[in-house]
Amino acid sequence: MSNISEIVNTIKKLIDVRLEMIKEEIRVRISSFIARIAILVLMGIFALFLLLFISLSLAFYLSEVTRSPFLGFLYVAGIYLVILVILYFVRNSLQLQASLRSSLSRFVFFGEQKKKEEHE
């Protein structure tokens, strides 16, 4: 009877250890995921600032070239309108959606793929 209780206790301890390992793995994966998302958000913010300053610079430059303060900004707005129209027409492109999804997935889950390759 003593052997059975020892076996049961050992199995319980093994299960507890395995659960702790799984919890730790989940914590690592979640923290890695959150870190990559935070980096992606920061990259997006800096890209928006970059776009803003480039747009302002282009608008001021075009204002100087056209010698009209509002025409430079109007041309930049026109450029953005053209880009918006193009994006509107390609919004349902399955190939574009798949490409974006693949790129984003590779970026966010790159650490997971790298770990899998190292273990193989």
C-alpha atoms as a PDB file:
ATOM      1  CA  MET A   1       0.000   0.000   0.000  1.00  0.00           C
ATOM      2  CA  SER A   2       2.931   2.286   0.710  1.00  0.00           C
ATOM      3  CA  ASN A   3       4.266   1.875  -2.830  1.00  0.00           C
ATOM      4  CA  ILE A   4       0.944   2.941  -4.346  1.00  0.00           C
ATOM      5  CA  SER A   5       0.795   6.116  -2.244  1.00  0.00           C
ATOM      6  CA  GLU A   6       4.406   6.914  -3.186  1.00  0.00           C
ATOM      7  CA  ILE A   7       3.578   6.391  -6.845  1.00  0.00           C
ATOM      8  CA  VAL A   8       0.498   8.615  -6.545  1.00  0.00           C
ATOM      9  CA  ASN A   9       2.549  11.318  -4.763  1.00  0.00           C
ATOM     10  CA  THR A  10       5.258  11.098  -7.422  1.00  0.00           C
ATOM     11  CA  ILE A  11       2.683  11.406 -10.193  1.00  0.00           C
ATOM     12  CA  LYS A  12       1.126  14.413  -8.427  1.00  0.00           C
ATOM     13  CA  LYS A  13       4.544  16.044  -8.153  1.00  0.00           C
ATOM     14  CA  LEU A  14       5.270  15.340 -11.830  1.00  0.00           C
ATOM     15  CA  ILE A  15       1.943  16.870 -12.823  1.00  0.00           C
ATOM     16  CA  ASP A  16       2.637  19.934 -10.633  1.00  0.00           C
ATOM     17  CA  VAL A  17       6.088  20.374 -12.171  1.00  0.00           C
ATOM     18  CA  ARG A  18       4.673  19.996 -15.674  1.00  0.00           C
ATOM     19  CA  LEU A  19       1.941  22.552 -14.939  1.00  0.00           C
ATOM     20  CA  GLU A  20       4.531  25.020 -13.658  1.00  0.00           C
ATOM     21  CA  MET A  21       6.603  24.496 -16.814  1.00  0.00           C
ATOM     22  CA  ILE A  22       3.548  25.126 -18.980  1.00  0.00           C
ATOM     23  CA  LYS A  23       2.654  28.260 -16.998  1.00  0.00           C
ATOM     24  CA  GLU A  24       6.185  29.593 -17.393  1.00  0.00           C
ATOM     25  CA  GLU A  25       6.161  28.868 -21.118  1.00  0.00           C
ATOM     26  CA  ILE A  26       2.847  30.714 -21.459  1.00  0.00           C
ATOM     27  CA  ARG A  27       4.259  33.693 -19.501  1.00  0.00           C
ATOM     28  CA  VAL A  28       7.312  33.833 -21.767  1.00  0.00           C
ATOM     29  CA  ARG A  29       5.228  33.610 -24.938  1.00  0.00           C
ATOM     30  CA  ILE A  30       2.788  36.286 -23.803  1.00  0.00           C
ATOM     31  CA  SER A  31       5.539  38.667 -22.701  1.00  0.00           C
ATOM     32  CA  SER A  32       7.382  38.118 -25.986  1.00  0.00           C
ATOM     33  CA  PHE A  33       4.166  38.765 -27.916  1.00  0.00           C
ATOM     34  CA  ILE A  34       3.439  41.954 -25.950  1.00  0.00           C
ATOM     35  CA  ALA A  35       7.014  43.191 -26.427  1.00  0.00           C
ATOM     36  CA  ARG A  36       6.797  42.688 -30.194  1.00  0.00           C
ATOM     37  CA  ILE A  37       3.416  44.435 -30.342  1.00  0.00           C
ATOM     38  CA  ALA A  38       4.850  47.355 -28.322  1.00  0.00           C
ATOM     39  CA  ILE A  39       7.770  47.615 -30.748  1.00  0.00           C
ATOM     40  CA  LEU A  40       5.332  47.531 -33.663  1.00  0.00           C
ATOM     41  CA  VAL A  41       3.258  50.334 -32.100  1.00  0.00           C
ATOM     42  CA  LEU A  42       6.378  52.437 -31.494  1.00  0.00           C
ATOM     43  CA  MET A  43       7.519  51.863 -35.071  1.00  0.00           C
ATOM     44  CA  GLY A  44       4.081  52.989 -36.262  1.00  0.00           C
ATOM     45  CA  ILE A  45       4.211  56.144 -34.151  1.00  0.00           C
ATOM     46  CA  PHE A  46       7.664  57.058 -35.433  1.00  0.00           C
ATOM     47  CA  ALA A  47       6.593  56.303 -39.006  1.00  0.00           C
ATOM     48  CA  LEU A  48       3.663  58.684 -38.572  1.00  0.00           C
ATOM     49  CA  PHE A  49       5.973  61.420 -37.265  1.00  0.00           C
ATOM     50  CA  LEU A  50       8.311  60.808 -40.181  1.00  0.00           C
ATOM     51  CA  LEU A  51       5.429  61.023 -42.640  1.00  0.00           C
ATOM     52  CA  LEU A  52       4.176  64.207 -40.971  1.00  0.00           C
ATOM     53  CA  PHE A  53       7.522  66.003 -41.175  1.00  0.00           C
ATOM     54  CA  ILE A  54       8.223  64.823 -44.716  1.00  0.00           C
ATOM     55  CA  SER A  55       4.757  66.002 -45.743  1.00  0.00           C
ATOM     56  CA  LEU A  56       5.261  69.393 -44.135  1.00  0.00           C
ATOM     57  CA  SER A  57       8.689  69.742 -45.712  1.00  0.00           C
ATOM     58  CA  LEU A  58       7.332  68.828 -49.136  1.00  0.00           C
ATOM     59  CA  ALA A  59       4.410  71.230 -48.719  1.00  0.00           C
ATOM     60  CA  PHE A  60       6.703  74.108 -47.759  1.00  0.00           C
ATOM     61  CA  TYR A  61       9.064  73.259 -50.616  1.00  0.00           C
ATOM     62  CA  LEU A  62       6.211  73.174 -53.126  1.00  0.00           C
ATOM     63  CA  SER A  63       4.926  76.451 -51.689  1.00  0.00           C
ATOM     64  CA  GLU A  64       8.317  78.003 -52.407  1.00  0.00           C
ATOM     65  CA  VAL A  65       8.437  76.542 -55.917  1.00  0.00           C
ATOM     66  CA  THR A  66       4.908  77.636 -56.827  1.00  0.00           C
ATOM     67  CA  ARG A  67       5.277  80.957 -54.932  1.00  0.00           C
ATOM     68  CA  SER A  68       1.881  80.335 -53.452  1.00  0.00           C
ATOM     69  CA  PRO A  69       1.537  79.475 -49.768  1.00  0.00           C
ATOM     70  CA  PHE A  70      -1.537  77.309 -50.178  1.00  0.00           C
ATOM     71  CA  LEU A  71      -0.693  75.508 -53.441  1.00  0.00           C
ATOM     72  CA  GLY A  72       2.151  73.509 -51.874  1.00  0.00           C
ATOM     73  CA  PHE A  73      -0.143  72.168 -49.180  1.00  0.00           C
ATOM     74  CA  LEU A  74      -2.874  71.598 -51.748  1.00  0.00           C
ATOM     75  CA  TYR A  75      -0.509  69.498 -53.878  1.00  0.00           C
ATOM     76  CA  VAL A  76       0.496  67.394 -50.876  1.00  0.00           C
ATOM     77  CA  ALA A  77      -3.188  66.914 -50.016  1.00  0.00           C
ATOM     78  CA  GLY A  78      -3.747  65.863 -53.637  1.00  0.00           C
ATOM     79  CA  ILE A  79      -0.974  63.283 -53.345  1.00  0.00           C
ATOM     80  CA  TYR A  80      -2.638  61.859 -50.253  1.00  0.00           C
ATOM     81  CA  LEU A  81      -6.001  61.852 -52.028  1.00  0.00           C
ATOM     82  CA  VAL A  82      -4.518  59.825 -54.907  1.00  0.00           C
ATOM     83  CA  ILE A  83      -2.988  57.372 -52.424  1.00  0.00           C
ATOM     84  CA  LEU A  84      -6.336  57.094 -50.614  1.00  0.00           C
ATOM     85  CA  VAL A  85      -8.179  56.378 -53.865  1.00  0.00           C
ATOM     86  CA  ILE A  86      -5.632  53.712 -54.818  1.00  0.00           C
ATOM     87  CA  LEU A  87      -5.928  52.084 -51.390  1.00  0.00           C
ATOM     88  CA  TYR A  88      -9.714  52.218 -51.662  1.00  0.00           C
ATOM     89  CA  PHE A  89      -9.653  50.267 -54.914  1.00  0.00           C
ATOM     90  CA  VAL A  90      -7.180  47.641 -53.695  1.00  0.00           C
ATOM     91  CA  ARG A  91      -8.753  47.230 -50.240  1.00  0.00           C
ATOM     92  CA  ASN A  92     -10.379  43.907 -51.161  1.00  0.00           C
ATOM     93  CA  SER A  93      -7.288  42.466 -52.815  1.00  0.00           C
ATOM     94  CA  LEU A  94      -6.821  39.035 -51.296  1.00  0.00           C
ATOM     95  CA  GLN A  95      -3.187  38.935 -52.388  1.00  0.00           C
ATOM     96  CA  LEU A  96      -2.447  42.231 -50.624  1.00  0.00           C
ATOM     97  CA  GLN A  97      -4.271  41.077 -47.484  1.00  0.00           C
ATOM     98  CA  ALA A  98      -2.389  37.774 -47.466  1.00  0.00           C
ATOM     99  CA  SER A  99       0.924  39.567 -47.939  1.00  0.00           C
ATOM    100  CA  LEU A 100       0.242  41.988 -45.082  1.00  0.00           C
ATOM    101  CA  ARG A 101      -1.000  39.199 -42.814  1.00  0.00           C
ATOM    102  CA  SER A 102       2.092  37.121 -43.583  1.00  0.00           C
ATOM    103  CA  SER A 103       4.492  40.010 -42.946  1.00  0.00           C
ATOM    104  CA  LEU A 104       2.801  40.972 -39.702  1.00  0.00           C
ATOM    105  CA  SER A 105       2.666  37.370 -38.536  1.00  0.00           C
ATOM    106  CA  ARG A 106       6.355  36.851 -39.319  1.00  0.00           C
ATOM    107  CA  PHE A 107       7.272  39.979 -37.375  1.00  0.00           C
ATOM    108  CA  VAL A 108       5.132  39.273 -34.317  1.00  0.00           C
ATOM    109  CA  PHE A 109       5.845  35.538 -34.095  1.00  0.00           C
ATOM    110  CA  PHE A 110       9.456  35.552 -35.331  1.00  0.00           C
ATOM    111  CA  GLY A 111      10.770  34.533 -31.900  1.00  0.00           C
ATOM    112  CA  GLU A 112       8.485  31.514 -31.811  1.00  0.00           C
ATOM    113  CA  GLN A 113       9.620  30.332 -35.251  1.00  0.00           C
ATOM    114  CA  LYS A 114      13.249  30.824 -34.282  1.00  0.00           C
ATOM    115  CA  LYS A 115      12.780  28.727 -31.128  1.00  0.00           C
ATOM    116  CA  LYS A 116      11.149  25.936 -33.133  1.00  0.00           C
ATOM    117  CA  GLU A 117      14.032  25.905 -35.600  1.00  0.00           C
ATOM    118  CA  GLU A 118      16.588  25.739 -32.770  1.00  0.00           C
ATOM    119  CA  HIS A 119      14.832  22.763 -31.154  1.00  0.00           C
ATOM    120  CA  GLU A 120      14.721  20.787 -34.396  1.00  0.00           C
END
